[in-house]
Structure formats: structure tokens, C-alpha cells
Amino acid sequence: MAVARVTKIIGSSSKGWQEAVDEA
């Protein structure tokens, strides 16, 4: 799952998580 990757991005950027979810 990309959850782990998304979580890492969330920790780096609050808004970056949206982009990560779109990619996931």
C-alpha cells in the first residue's frame, strides 16, 4: 500500500499529502 509513502509525505508537507493521495 502507498499509505506508508503518503504518511511520510504528510509529515513533510501538510498540503503535499493531497498530491500523494492523487498519485496513490
Protein backbone atom coordinates (compact mmCIF):
# COMPACT_ATOMS: atom_id res chain seq x y z
CA MET A 1 0.00 0.00 0.00
CA ALA A 2 1.12 3.56 -0.57
CA VAL A 3 -0.10 4.55 2.88
CA ALA A 4 3.41 4.45 4.28
CA ARG A 5 4.65 6.63 1.44
CA VAL A 6 1.74 9.04 1.86
CA THR A 7 2.32 9.23 5.60
CA LYS A 8 5.95 10.17 5.02
CA ILE A 9 4.90 12.93 2.65
CA ILE A 10 2.28 14.19 5.10
CA GLY A 11 4.98 14.58 7.75
CA SER A 12 6.97 16.68 5.29
CA SER A 13 4.10 18.79 3.96
CA SER A 14 0.52 19.12 5.09
CA LYS A 15 -0.60 20.06 1.58
CA GLY A 16 1.78 17.58 -0.05
CA TRP A 17 -0.39 14.72 1.24
CA GLN A 18 -3.10 15.65 -1.26
CA GLU A 19 -0.67 15.18 -4.15
CA ALA A 20 0.47 11.88 -2.68
CA VAL A 21 -3.11 10.63 -2.44
CA ASP A 22 -3.73 11.60 -6.04
CA GLU A 23 -0.71 9.56 -7.10
CA ALA A 24 -1.70 6.65 -4.88
